[in-house]
C-alpha atoms as a PDB file:
ATOM      1  CA  UNK A   1     -25.628 -69.522 -93.698  1.00  0.00           C
ATOM      2  CA  UNK A   2     -22.403 -70.239 -95.438  1.00  0.00           C
ATOM      3  CA  UNK A   3     -20.575 -67.126 -96.652  1.00  0.00           C
ATOM      4  CA  UNK A   4     -17.202 -67.957 -98.102  1.00  0.00           C
ATOM      5  CA  UNK A   5     -15.472 -70.227 -95.591  1.00  0.00           C
ATOM      6  CA  UNK A   6     -17.542 -68.812 -92.708  1.00  0.00           C
ATOM      7  CA  UNK A   7     -20.847 -69.984 -91.330  1.00  0.00           C
ATOM      8  CA  UNK A   8     -22.771 -67.048 -89.932  1.00  0.00           C
ATOM      9  CA  UNK A   9     -26.309 -66.518 -88.540  1.00  0.00           C
ATOM     10  CA  UNK A  10     -28.866 -65.530 -91.136  1.00  0.00           C
ATOM     11  CA  UNK A  11     -29.233 -62.073 -89.622  1.00  0.00           C
ATOM     12  CA  UNK A  12     -25.562 -61.319 -90.344  1.00  0.00           C
ATOM     13  CA  UNK A  13     -25.396 -62.914 -93.790  1.00  0.00           C
ATOM     14  CA  UNK A  14     -25.617 -59.633 -95.759  1.00  0.00           C
ATOM     15  CA  UNK A  15     -22.897 -58.004 -93.620  1.00  0.00           C
ATOM     16  CA  UNK A  16     -20.622 -61.035 -93.950  1.00  0.00           C
ATOM     17  CA  UNK A  17     -21.089 -60.988 -97.754  1.00  0.00           C
ATOM     18  CA  UNK A  18     -20.366 -57.222 -97.889  1.00  0.00           C
ATOM     19  CA  UNK A  19     -17.183 -57.745 -95.829  1.00  0.00           C
ATOM     20  CA  UNK A  20     -15.921 -60.519 -97.996  1.00  0.00           C
ATOM     21  CA  UNK A  21     -16.905 -58.814-101.275  1.00  0.00           C
ATOM     22  CA  UNK A  22     -15.334 -55.423-100.357  1.00  0.00           C
ATOM     23  CA  UNK A  23     -12.436 -56.714 -98.257  1.00  0.00           C
ATOM     24  CA  UNK A  24     -11.542 -60.165 -99.535  1.00  0.00           C
ATOM     25  CA  UNK A  25      -8.274 -60.054 -97.675  1.00  0.00           C
ATOM     26  CA  UNK A  26      -9.991 -59.602 -94.284  1.00  0.00           C
ATOM     27  CA  UNK A  27      -9.227 -63.166 -93.137  1.00  0.00           C
ATOM     28  CA  UNK A  28      -6.353 -64.035 -90.867  1.00  0.00           C
ATOM     29  CA  UNK A  29      -4.469 -66.079 -93.448  1.00  0.00           C
ATOM     30  CA  UNK A  30      -4.491 -68.998 -91.071  1.00  0.00           C
ATOM     31  CA  UNK A  31      -5.400 -72.325 -92.676  1.00  0.00           C
ATOM     32  CA  UNK A  32      -7.465 -74.313 -91.972  1.00  0.00           C
ATOM     33  CA  UNK A  33     -10.151 -72.006 -90.584  1.00  0.00           C
ATOM     34  CA  UNK A  34      -9.879 -72.183 -86.866  1.00  0.00           C
ATOM     35  CA  UNK A  35     -13.085 -72.142 -84.733  1.00  0.00           C
ATOM     36  CA  UNK A  36     -11.970 -68.950 -83.018  1.00  0.00           C
ATOM     37  CA  UNK A  37     -11.526 -67.210 -86.368  1.00  0.00           C
ATOM     38  CA  UNK A  38     -15.061 -68.166 -87.322  1.00  0.00           C
ATOM     39  CA  UNK A  39     -16.385 -66.805 -84.050  1.00  0.00           C
ATOM     40  CA  UNK A  40     -14.316 -63.626 -84.444  1.00  0.00           C
ATOM     41  CA  UNK A  41     -15.694 -63.120 -87.956  1.00  0.00           C
ATOM     42  CA  UNK A  42     -19.239 -63.422 -86.643  1.00  0.00           C
ATOM     43  CA  UNK A  43     -18.434 -60.990 -83.821  1.00  0.00           C
ATOM     44  CA  UNK A  44     -16.945 -58.629 -86.410  1.00  0.00           C
ATOM     45  CA  UNK A  45     -20.174 -58.638 -88.358  1.00  0.00           C
ATOM     46  CA  UNK A  46     -22.197 -57.598 -85.261  1.00  0.00           C
ATOM     47  CA  UNK A  47     -20.947 -54.005 -85.036  1.00  0.00           C
ATOM     48  CA  UNK A  48     -21.631 -53.695 -88.782  1.00  0.00           C
ATOM     49  CA  UNK A  49     -25.246 -54.752 -88.163  1.00  0.00           C
ATOM     50  CA  UNK A  50     -25.719 -52.431 -85.206  1.00  0.00           C
ATOM     51  CA  UNK A  51     -23.970 -49.495 -86.893  1.00  0.00           C
ATOM     52  CA  UNK A  52     -26.307 -49.986 -89.814  1.00  0.00           C
ATOM     53  CA  UNK A  53     -29.396 -50.016 -87.566  1.00  0.00           C
ATOM     54  CA  UNK A  54     -28.271 -47.038 -85.418  1.00  0.00           C
ATOM     55  CA  UNK A  55     -29.016 -43.499 -86.566  1.00  0.00           C
ATOM     56  CA  UNK A  56     -26.182 -41.044 -85.925  1.00  0.00           C
ATOM     57  CA  UNK A  57     -28.260 -39.142 -83.359  1.00  0.00           C
ATOM     58  CA  UNK A  58     -28.500 -42.339 -81.281  1.00  0.00           C
ATOM     59  CA  UNK A  59     -24.699 -42.872 -81.096  1.00  0.00           C
ATOM     60  CA  UNK A  60     -23.438 -42.958 -77.545  1.00  0.00           C
ATOM     61  CA  UNK A  61     -20.005 -43.396 -75.964  1.00  0.00           C
ATOM     62  CA  UNK A  62     -21.132 -46.823 -74.754  1.00  0.00           C
ATOM     63  CA  UNK A  63     -22.064 -48.000 -78.269  1.00  0.00           C
ATOM     64  CA  UNK A  64     -18.742 -46.713 -79.686  1.00  0.00           C
ATOM     65  CA  UNK A  65     -16.846 -48.657 -77.020  1.00  0.00           C
ATOM     66  CA  UNK A  66     -18.823 -51.849 -77.737  1.00  0.00           C
ATOM     67  CA  UNK A  67     -18.121 -51.538 -81.432  1.00  0.00           C
ATOM     68  CA  UNK A  68     -14.439 -50.829 -80.743  1.00  0.00           C
ATOM     69  CA  UNK A  69     -14.083 -53.893 -78.565  1.00  0.00           C
ATOM     70  CA  UNK A  70     -15.573 -56.203 -81.186  1.00  0.00           C
ATOM     71  CA  UNK A  71     -13.316 -54.741 -83.908  1.00  0.00           C
ATOM     72  CA  UNK A  72     -10.215 -54.900 -81.654  1.00  0.00           C
ATOM     73  CA  UNK A  73     -10.989 -58.533 -80.850  1.00  0.00           C
ATOM     74  CA  UNK A  74     -10.957 -59.378 -84.547  1.00  0.00           C
ATOM     75  CA  UNK A  75      -7.791 -57.313 -85.079  1.00  0.00           C
ATOM     76  CA  UNK A  76      -6.014 -59.206 -82.269  1.00  0.00           C
ATOM     77  CA  UNK A  77      -6.892 -62.526 -83.939  1.00  0.00           C
ATOM     78  CA  UNK A  78      -5.289 -61.275 -87.111  1.00  0.00           C
ATOM     79  CA  UNK A  79      -8.273 -60.079 -89.106  1.00  0.00           C
ATOM     80  CA  UNK A  80      -7.457 -57.178 -91.414  1.00  0.00           C
ATOM     81  CA  UNK A  81     -10.208 -54.893 -90.178  1.00  0.00           C
ATOM     82  CA  UNK A  82      -8.304 -51.615 -89.856  1.00  0.00           C
ATOM     83  CA  UNK A  83     -10.782 -50.033 -92.316  1.00  0.00           C
ATOM     84  CA  UNK A  84     -13.513 -50.635 -89.723  1.00  0.00           C
ATOM     85  CA  UNK A  85     -11.531 -49.091 -86.921  1.00  0.00           C
ATOM     86  CA  UNK A  86     -10.952 -46.054 -89.203  1.00  0.00           C
ATOM     87  CA  UNK A  87     -14.673 -45.787 -89.815  1.00  0.00           C
ATOM     88  CA  UNK A  88     -15.371 -46.108 -86.122  1.00  0.00           C
ATOM     89  CA  UNK A  89     -12.854 -43.295 -85.457  1.00  0.00           C
ATOM     90  CA  UNK A  90     -14.689 -41.148 -87.984  1.00  0.00           C
ATOM     91  CA  UNK A  91     -18.059 -41.855 -86.236  1.00  0.00           C
ATOM     92  CA  UNK A  92     -16.501 -41.097 -82.820  1.00  0.00           C
ATOM     93  CA  UNK A  93     -15.000 -37.790 -83.963  1.00  0.00           C
ATOM     94  CA  UNK A  94     -18.277 -36.695 -85.584  1.00  0.00           C
ATOM     95  CA  UNK A  95     -20.176 -37.617 -82.410  1.00  0.00           C
ATOM     96  CA  UNK A  96     -17.643 -35.691 -80.292  1.00  0.00           C
ATOM     97  CA  UNK A  97     -18.105 -32.628 -82.520  1.00  0.00           C
ATOM     98  CA  UNK A  98     -21.872 -32.707 -82.031  1.00  0.00           C
ATOM     99  CA  UNK A  99     -21.412 -33.175 -78.275  1.00  0.00           C
ATOM    100  CA  UNK A 100     -19.045 -30.156 -78.148  1.00  0.00           C
ATOM    101  CA  UNK A 101     -21.586 -27.989 -80.011  1.00  0.00           C
ATOM    102  CA  UNK A 102     -24.325 -29.090 -77.638  1.00  0.00           C
ATOM    103  CA  UNK A 103     -22.047 -28.289 -74.682  1.00  0.00           C
ATOM    104  CA  UNK A 104     -21.503 -24.760 -76.038  1.00  0.00           C
ATOM    105  CA  UNK A 105     -25.230 -24.294 -76.426  1.00  0.00           C
ATOM    106  CA  UNK A 106     -25.811 -25.568 -72.904  1.00  0.00           C
ATOM    107  CA  UNK A 107     -23.249 -23.102 -71.578  1.00  0.00           C
ATOM    108  CA  UNK A 108     -25.056 -20.233 -73.308  1.00  0.00           C
ATOM    109  CA  UNK A 109     -28.376 -21.447 -71.839  1.00  0.00           C
ATOM    110  CA  UNK A 110     -26.834 -21.798 -68.349  1.00  0.00           C
ATOM    111  CA  UNK A 111     -25.385 -18.284 -68.581  1.00  0.00           C
ATOM    112  CA  UNK A 112     -28.821 -16.938 -69.573  1.00  0.00           C
ATOM    113  CA  UNK A 113     -30.470 -18.734 -66.676  1.00  0.00           C
ATOM    114  CA  UNK A 114     -27.882 -17.265 -64.300  1.00  0.00           C
ATOM    115  CA  UNK A 115     -28.526 -13.743 -65.632  1.00  0.00           C
ATOM    116  CA  UNK A 116     -32.267 -14.233 -65.305  1.00  0.00           C
ATOM    117  CA  UNK A 117     -31.954 -15.558 -61.740  1.00  0.00           C
ATOM    118  CA  UNK A 118     -29.815 -12.424 -60.823  1.00  0.00           C
ATOM    119  CA  UNK A 119     -32.488 -10.155 -62.339  1.00  0.00           C
ATOM    120  CA  UNK A 120     -35.219 -12.060 -60.484  1.00  0.00           C
ATOM    121  CA  UNK A 121     -33.351 -11.679 -57.183  1.00  0.00           C
ATOM    122  CA  UNK A 122     -32.950  -7.937 -57.828  1.00  0.00           C
ATOM    123  CA  UNK A 123     -36.672  -7.582 -58.637  1.00  0.00           C
ATOM    124  CA  UNK A 124     -37.598  -9.519 -55.456  1.00  0.00           C
ATOM    125  CA  UNK A 125     -35.501  -7.135 -53.389  1.00  0.00           C
ATOM    126  CA  UNK A 126     -37.073  -4.098 -55.129  1.00  0.00           C
ATOM    127  CA  UNK A 127     -40.556  -5.570 -54.577  1.00  0.00           C
ATOM    128  CA  UNK A 128     -39.847  -6.152 -50.907  1.00  0.00           C
ATOM    129  CA  UNK A 129     -38.701  -2.531 -50.506  1.00  0.00           C
ATOM    130  CA  UNK A 130     -41.889  -1.239 -52.123  1.00  0.00           C
ATOM    131  CA  UNK A 131     -44.060  -3.535 -49.947  1.00  0.00           C
ATOM    132  CA  UNK A 132     -42.219  -2.418 -46.801  1.00  0.00           C
ATOM    133  CA  UNK A 133     -42.759   1.266 -47.698  1.00  0.00           C
ATOM    134  CA  UNK A 134     -46.524   0.724 -48.272  1.00  0.00           C
ATOM    135  CA  UNK A 135     -47.283   1.435 -44.591  1.00  0.00           C
ATOM    136  CA  UNK A 136     -46.102   5.069 -44.725  1.00  0.00           C
ATOM    137  CA  UNK A 137     -48.599   7.930 -44.168  1.00  0.00           C
ATOM    138  CA  UNK A 138     -48.055   9.189 -47.720  1.00  0.00           C
ATOM    139  CA  UNK A 139     -48.875   5.738 -49.148  1.00  0.00           C
ATOM    140  CA  UNK A 140     -52.151   5.638 -47.121  1.00  0.00           C
ATOM    141  CA  UNK A 141     -53.163   9.088 -48.333  1.00  0.00           C
ATOM    142  CA  UNK A 142     -52.438   8.117 -51.932  1.00  0.00           C
ATOM    143  CA  UNK A 143     -54.514   4.938 -51.644  1.00  0.00           C
ATOM    144  CA  UNK A 144     -57.462   6.924 -50.211  1.00  0.00           C
ATOM    145  CA  UNK A 145     -57.301   9.352 -53.134  1.00  0.00           C
ATOM    146  CA  UNK A 146     -56.954   6.506 -55.625  1.00  0.00           C
ATOM    147  CA  UNK A 147     -60.107   4.886 -54.319  1.00  0.00           C
ATOM    148  CA  UNK A 148     -62.119   7.939 -55.404  1.00  0.00           C
ATOM    149  CA  UNK A 149     -61.323   7.538 -59.100  1.00  0.00           C
ATOM    150  CA  UNK A 150     -62.001   3.957 -60.340  1.00  0.00           C
ATOM    151  CA  UNK A 151     -64.675   4.078 -63.019  1.00  0.00           C
ATOM    152  CA  UNK A 152     -64.730   7.903 -63.131  1.00  0.00           C
ATOM    153  CA  UNK A 153     -62.948  10.587 -65.202  1.00  0.00           C
ATOM    154  CA  UNK A 154     -60.276  12.843 -63.808  1.00  0.00           C
ATOM    155  CA  UNK A 155     -62.344  15.981 -64.441  1.00  0.00           C
ATOM    156  CA  UNK A 156     -62.876  18.478 -61.577  1.00  0.00           C
ATOM    157  CA  UNK A 157     -66.656  18.855 -62.087  1.00  0.00           C
ATOM    158  CA  UNK A 158     -67.470  15.272 -62.960  1.00  0.00           C
ATOM    159  CA  UNK A 159     -66.753  13.782 -59.503  1.00  0.00           C
END
């Protein structure tokens, strides 16, 4: 599809039109249009398409780096796409903020798990002590007496 002086795949047509309508000066200023500039323009449209199709919760470091590389390539060829790099920086900062919040939450969870594990260890030690003391004479006497009461009252005359 022809968009301005560029021929782009149909799937990128709307992004190419948006770029040229909102940033008419995006071109390199080189005349005539060089094949590499056409290819770079197409590559520049690709991060726009994937950004548009990616929800913020799906943003990863890998995606940010891919988008950055495409935008940098166009910048190196002279395209005036600084506005896209600024937008990408904004996305990256927002993603980092979310990651930091999640890291804080994970630290709290990890601290809670550690505290619970310490409590569990303490309870296991206490349980082991109780089990080891169950062989004493007093314990046997108590168990004999306890066996007399299930299903009965504690009254003196009712046993």
